[in-house]
Amino acid sequence: LSENDNENKVCLVFESMPVDVLKTFAEDFAAVKNASHIAGSLPELQRISCNLISGGVGPAMIIETQNRTDAEKVAYASMKKDSP
């Protein structure tokens, strides 16, 4: 999802995974995303959101990305160019 410049959304259903494990993952992801010392090193995280849905077929997570801004596109292209 993060490789694409455009917004995107996907639903992942985890039929045999306990809800509390997924809840912990979603909370930890949010904590990492909101940690100022990490956000500066991983700005790409600001485009991604992760939400838990625990009703229905089975526990599921909605992963969404926002459109990459022009500045983010330039930074991402530079990062890809400098990576092995």
C-alpha atoms as a PDB file:
ATOM      1  CA  LEU A   1       0.000   0.000   0.000  1.00  0.00           C
ATOM      2  CA  SER A   2       2.731   2.484   0.851  1.00  0.00           C
ATOM      3  CA  GLU A   3       4.472   1.946  -2.508  1.00  0.00           C
ATOM      4  CA  ASN A   4       1.589   3.624  -4.321  1.00  0.00           C
ATOM      5  CA  ASP A   5       1.240   7.433  -4.403  1.00  0.00           C
ATOM      6  CA  ASN A   6      -2.564   7.263  -4.317  1.00  0.00           C
ATOM      7  CA  GLU A   7      -4.910   6.651  -1.428  1.00  0.00           C
ATOM      8  CA  ASN A   8      -5.901   3.052  -0.918  1.00  0.00           C
ATOM      9  CA  LYS A   9      -7.849   0.892   1.493  1.00  0.00           C
ATOM     10  CA  VAL A  10      -7.715  -2.819   2.262  1.00  0.00           C
ATOM     11  CA  CYS A  11      -9.569  -5.030   4.727  1.00  0.00           C
ATOM     12  CA  LEU A  12      -7.693  -7.970   6.245  1.00  0.00           C
ATOM     13  CA  VAL A  13      -9.817 -10.625   7.978  1.00  0.00           C
ATOM     14  CA  PHE A  14      -8.087 -12.665  10.687  1.00  0.00           C
ATOM     15  CA  GLU A  15     -10.497 -15.523  11.398  1.00  0.00           C
ATOM     16  CA  SER A  16      -8.318 -17.418  13.862  1.00  0.00           C
ATOM     17  CA  MET A  17      -6.430 -14.571  15.538  1.00  0.00           C
ATOM     18  CA  PRO A  18      -7.638 -13.352  18.928  1.00  0.00           C
ATOM     19  CA  VAL A  19      -9.131  -9.850  18.946  1.00  0.00           C
ATOM     20  CA  ASP A  20      -6.904  -8.767  21.845  1.00  0.00           C
ATOM     21  CA  VAL A  21      -3.775  -9.503  19.764  1.00  0.00           C
ATOM     22  CA  LEU A  22      -5.063  -7.362  16.906  1.00  0.00           C
ATOM     23  CA  LYS A  23      -6.113  -4.644  19.339  1.00  0.00           C
ATOM     24  CA  THR A  24      -2.595  -4.599  20.786  1.00  0.00           C
ATOM     25  CA  PHE A  25      -1.126  -4.319  17.275  1.00  0.00           C
ATOM     26  CA  ALA A  26      -3.441  -1.408  16.378  1.00  0.00           C
ATOM     27  CA  GLU A  27      -2.607   0.389  19.639  1.00  0.00           C
ATOM     28  CA  ASP A  28       1.132  -0.182  19.197  1.00  0.00           C
ATOM     29  CA  PHE A  29       0.968   1.044  15.587  1.00  0.00           C
ATOM     30  CA  ALA A  30      -0.799   4.214  16.736  1.00  0.00           C
ATOM     31  CA  ALA A  31       1.788   4.746  19.494  1.00  0.00           C
ATOM     32  CA  VAL A  32       4.678   4.371  17.035  1.00  0.00           C
ATOM     33  CA  LYS A  33       2.962   6.661  14.534  1.00  0.00           C
ATOM     34  CA  ASN A  34       2.465   9.340  17.200  1.00  0.00           C
ATOM     35  CA  ALA A  35       5.960   9.111  18.714  1.00  0.00           C
ATOM     36  CA  SER A  36       7.699  12.339  17.697  1.00  0.00           C
ATOM     37  CA  HIS A  37      11.188  10.814  17.733  1.00  0.00           C
ATOM     38  CA  ILE A  38      10.065   8.121  15.274  1.00  0.00           C
ATOM     39  CA  ALA A  39       7.824  10.302  13.096  1.00  0.00           C
ATOM     40  CA  GLY A  40      10.831  12.355  11.981  1.00  0.00           C
ATOM     41  CA  SER A  41      12.657   9.231  10.821  1.00  0.00           C
ATOM     42  CA  LEU A  42       9.643   7.533   9.264  1.00  0.00           C
ATOM     43  CA  PRO A  43       7.410  10.258   7.783  1.00  0.00           C
ATOM     44  CA  GLU A  44       5.718   7.635   5.572  1.00  0.00           C
ATOM     45  CA  LEU A  45       3.855   6.382   8.654  1.00  0.00           C
ATOM     46  CA  GLN A  46       1.730   9.550   8.654  1.00  0.00           C
ATOM     47  CA  ARG A  47       0.041   8.364   5.442  1.00  0.00           C
ATOM     48  CA  ILE A  48      -1.039   5.051   6.966  1.00  0.00           C
ATOM     49  CA  SER A  49      -3.869   4.325   9.364  1.00  0.00           C
ATOM     50  CA  CYS A  50      -4.840   1.025  10.942  1.00  0.00           C
ATOM     51  CA  ASN A  51      -8.259   0.374  12.482  1.00  0.00           C
ATOM     52  CA  LEU A  52      -9.624  -2.740  14.167  1.00  0.00           C
ATOM     53  CA  ILE A  53     -13.114  -4.052  13.414  1.00  0.00           C
ATOM     54  CA  SER A  54     -14.181  -6.802  15.792  1.00  0.00           C
ATOM     55  CA  GLY A  55     -17.768  -7.522  14.753  1.00  0.00           C
ATOM     56  CA  GLY A  56     -19.067  -9.633  11.897  1.00  0.00           C
ATOM     57  CA  VAL A  57     -17.187 -12.403  10.075  1.00  0.00           C
ATOM     58  CA  GLY A  58     -14.128 -12.321  12.276  1.00  0.00           C
ATOM     59  CA  PRO A  59     -11.775  -9.747  13.606  1.00  0.00           C
ATOM     60  CA  ALA A  60     -10.506  -7.576  10.784  1.00  0.00           C
ATOM     61  CA  MET A  61      -8.225  -4.628  10.234  1.00  0.00           C
ATOM     62  CA  ILE A  62      -8.766  -1.786   7.825  1.00  0.00           C
ATOM     63  CA  ILE A  63      -5.462  -0.421   6.533  1.00  0.00           C
ATOM     64  CA  GLU A  64      -5.718   2.898   4.689  1.00  0.00           C
ATOM     65  CA  THR A  65      -3.210   5.155   2.999  1.00  0.00           C
ATOM     66  CA  GLN A  66      -3.677   8.805   2.062  1.00  0.00           C
ATOM     67  CA  ASN A  67      -2.545  10.405  -1.185  1.00  0.00           C
ATOM     68  CA  ARG A  68       1.155  11.223  -1.163  1.00  0.00           C
ATOM     69  CA  THR A  69       1.779  14.987  -1.403  1.00  0.00           C
ATOM     70  CA  ASP A  70       4.115  16.422  -4.043  1.00  0.00           C
ATOM     71  CA  ALA A  71       6.787  16.967  -1.369  1.00  0.00           C
ATOM     72  CA  GLU A  72       6.379  13.365  -0.188  1.00  0.00           C
ATOM     73  CA  LYS A  73       6.708  12.124  -3.782  1.00  0.00           C
ATOM     74  CA  VAL A  74      10.031  13.960  -4.153  1.00  0.00           C
ATOM     75  CA  ALA A  75      11.310  12.645  -0.799  1.00  0.00           C
ATOM     76  CA  TYR A  76      10.171   9.095  -1.617  1.00  0.00           C
ATOM     77  CA  ALA A  77      11.827   9.148  -5.053  1.00  0.00           C
ATOM     78  CA  SER A  78      15.063  10.337  -3.456  1.00  0.00           C
ATOM     79  CA  MET A  79      14.885   7.622  -0.795  1.00  0.00           C
ATOM     80  CA  LYS A  80      14.300   4.907  -3.431  1.00  0.00           C
ATOM     81  CA  LYS A  81      17.197   6.211  -5.528  1.00  0.00           C
ATOM     82  CA  ASP A  82      19.571   6.101  -2.545  1.00  0.00           C
ATOM     83  CA  SER A  83      18.499   2.607  -1.437  1.00  0.00           C
ATOM     84  CA  PRO A  84      20.383  -0.463  -2.654  1.00  0.00           C
END
